[in-house]
Amino acid sequence: MAQQVMKEERSLGELFSELASETSTLVKQEVALAQTELTQKATKVGKNVGYLVVGGAIGYAALLAFIAALVIGLGNLLGNYWAAALIVGVVVAVAAVVMIMSALSALKATDITPTQTVETIKEDAKWLKDQVS
């Protein structure tokens, strides 16, 4: 009760000063939250891109070995190595397109919007409006 009496005795200038101070603190906290959230999401995207690059490089080396073996084996069956290389090249190109489209789709589906920050800013705006009225 004593604290409520003290609040009623404060001047309008003191109240606005306190509101400005609390608003400043709130904005700083929201900026920090947004930075943290965006950093976490950027780290996740960066890690996935890194895995995509490393996986692609390793897969490429293995694929070259398999392609060479496939061209040689198919060339022996057909008796024509250029036709075997062409057939294998087309199959490999189709597989590459499927893999690239899948990776791009997964990256596009990543939501980098700081949703938690947006929600708390809405709550803060409502709080600030309630404090002013």
Protein backbone atom coordinates (compact mmCIF):
# COMPACT_ATOMS: atom_id res chain seq x y z
CA MET A 1 0.00 0.00 0.00
CA ALA A 2 2.85 2.37 0.81
CA GLN A 3 4.36 1.77 -2.61
CA GLN A 4 1.05 2.55 -4.29
CA VAL A 5 0.87 5.84 -2.40
CA MET A 6 4.41 6.66 -3.57
CA LYS A 7 3.40 5.92 -7.19
CA GLU A 8 0.46 8.28 -6.90
CA GLU A 9 2.70 11.04 -5.51
CA ARG A 10 5.18 10.91 -8.42
CA SER A 11 4.98 13.71 -10.94
CA LEU A 12 3.98 13.29 -14.56
CA GLY A 13 7.57 14.04 -15.59
CA GLU A 14 8.87 11.24 -13.38
CA LEU A 15 6.33 8.83 -14.82
CA PHE A 16 7.28 9.71 -18.40
CA SER A 17 10.97 9.45 -17.50
CA GLU A 18 10.39 5.98 -16.06
CA LEU A 19 8.36 4.98 -19.12
CA ALA A 20 11.12 6.19 -21.44
CA SER A 21 13.73 4.29 -19.45
CA GLU A 22 11.69 1.07 -19.44
CA THR A 23 10.94 1.46 -23.15
CA SER A 24 14.63 1.94 -23.91
CA THR A 25 15.50 -1.18 -21.92
CA LEU A 26 12.77 -3.11 -23.68
CA VAL A 27 13.99 -2.06 -27.13
CA LYS A 28 17.55 -3.05 -26.25
CA GLN A 29 16.34 -6.45 -25.06
CA GLU A 30 14.31 -6.96 -28.25
CA VAL A 31 17.31 -6.08 -30.43
CA ALA A 32 19.46 -8.55 -28.48
CA LEU A 33 16.79 -11.24 -28.86
CA ALA A 34 16.53 -10.59 -32.60
CA GLN A 35 20.31 -10.80 -32.98
CA THR A 36 20.44 -14.07 -31.08
CA GLU A 37 17.57 -15.59 -33.02
CA LEU A 38 18.94 -14.54 -36.42
CA THR A 39 22.40 -15.80 -35.49
CA GLN A 40 20.98 -19.21 -34.56
CA LYS A 41 19.05 -19.44 -37.82
CA ALA A 42 22.01 -18.26 -39.91
CA THR A 43 24.23 -20.83 -38.21
CA LYS A 44 21.74 -23.58 -39.05
CA VAL A 45 21.55 -22.51 -42.70
CA GLY A 46 25.35 -22.17 -42.90
CA LYS A 47 25.85 -25.62 -41.45
CA ASN A 48 23.41 -27.15 -43.94
CA VAL A 49 25.12 -25.38 -46.85
CA GLY A 50 28.49 -26.66 -45.59
CA TYR A 51 27.16 -30.22 -45.41
CA LEU A 52 25.77 -29.80 -48.91
CA VAL A 53 29.15 -28.69 -50.27
CA VAL A 54 31.21 -31.37 -48.49
CA GLY A 55 28.71 -34.09 -49.32
CA GLY A 56 28.71 -32.98 -52.92
CA ALA A 57 32.50 -33.06 -53.17
CA ILE A 58 32.76 -36.54 -51.66
CA GLY A 59 29.89 -37.79 -53.75
CA TYR A 60 31.48 -36.33 -56.84
CA ALA A 61 34.72 -38.26 -56.26
CA ALA A 62 32.82 -41.50 -55.73
CA LEU A 63 30.61 -40.81 -58.71
CA LEU A 64 33.61 -40.34 -60.98
CA ALA A 65 34.94 -43.76 -59.99
CA PHE A 66 31.55 -45.42 -60.54
CA ILE A 67 31.05 -43.63 -63.85
CA ALA A 68 34.42 -44.80 -65.12
CA ALA A 69 33.62 -48.38 -64.14
CA LEU A 70 30.14 -48.12 -65.67
CA VAL A 71 31.42 -46.68 -68.96
CA ILE A 72 34.06 -49.40 -69.23
CA GLY A 73 31.56 -52.17 -68.39
CA LEU A 74 28.86 -50.83 -70.73
CA GLY A 75 31.46 -50.18 -73.44
CA ASN A 76 32.54 -53.82 -73.25
CA LEU A 77 28.90 -54.93 -73.58
CA LEU A 78 28.05 -52.59 -76.44
CA GLY A 79 31.42 -52.71 -78.11
CA ASN A 80 31.18 -48.92 -78.48
CA TYR A 81 32.70 -46.76 -75.73
CA TRP A 82 31.43 -43.38 -76.92
CA ALA A 83 27.81 -44.62 -76.84
CA ALA A 84 28.38 -46.07 -73.36
CA ALA A 85 29.81 -42.74 -72.17
CA LEU A 86 26.81 -40.87 -73.65
CA ILE A 87 24.26 -43.15 -71.95
CA VAL A 88 26.02 -42.92 -68.60
CA GLY A 89 26.39 -39.13 -68.95
CA VAL A 90 22.66 -38.65 -69.48
CA VAL A 91 21.78 -40.79 -66.46
CA VAL A 92 24.28 -38.92 -64.28
CA ALA A 93 22.96 -35.53 -65.47
CA VAL A 94 19.39 -36.47 -64.52
CA ALA A 95 20.55 -37.62 -61.07
CA ALA A 96 22.45 -34.34 -60.59
CA VAL A 97 19.40 -32.23 -61.46
CA VAL A 98 17.24 -34.17 -58.99
CA MET A 99 19.77 -33.72 -56.19
CA ILE A 100 20.29 -30.00 -56.84
CA MET A 101 16.55 -29.30 -56.98
CA SER A 102 16.05 -31.15 -53.71
CA ALA A 103 18.79 -29.17 -51.95
CA LEU A 104 17.49 -25.84 -53.26
CA SER A 105 13.97 -26.70 -52.17
CA ALA A 106 15.19 -27.49 -48.64
CA LEU A 107 17.10 -24.20 -48.45
CA LYS A 108 14.11 -22.20 -49.68
CA ALA A 109 11.91 -23.86 -47.06
CA THR A 110 14.14 -22.59 -44.25
CA ASP A 111 12.33 -19.82 -42.39
CA ILE A 112 14.78 -17.14 -41.25
CA THR A 113 12.14 -14.80 -39.83
CA PRO A 114 12.77 -14.10 -36.14
CA THR A 115 9.26 -15.21 -35.15
CA GLN A 116 9.88 -15.10 -31.40
CA THR A 117 11.11 -11.52 -31.65
CA VAL A 118 8.13 -10.46 -33.76
CA GLU A 119 5.73 -11.92 -31.20
CA THR A 120 7.44 -10.25 -28.25
CA ILE A 121 7.53 -6.91 -30.08
CA LYS A 122 3.78 -7.17 -30.57
CA GLU A 123 3.36 -7.92 -26.87
CA ASP A 124 5.65 -5.01 -25.98
CA ALA A 125 3.71 -2.64 -28.21
CA LYS A 126 0.50 -3.67 -26.46
CA TRP A 127 2.15 -3.22 -23.05
CA LEU A 128 3.44 0.22 -24.04
CA LYS A 129 0.02 1.24 -25.31
CA ASP A 130 -1.54 0.08 -22.03
CA GLN A 131 1.08 2.04 -20.06
CA VAL A 132 0.44 5.25 -21.96
CA SER A 133 -3.36 5.05 -21.70
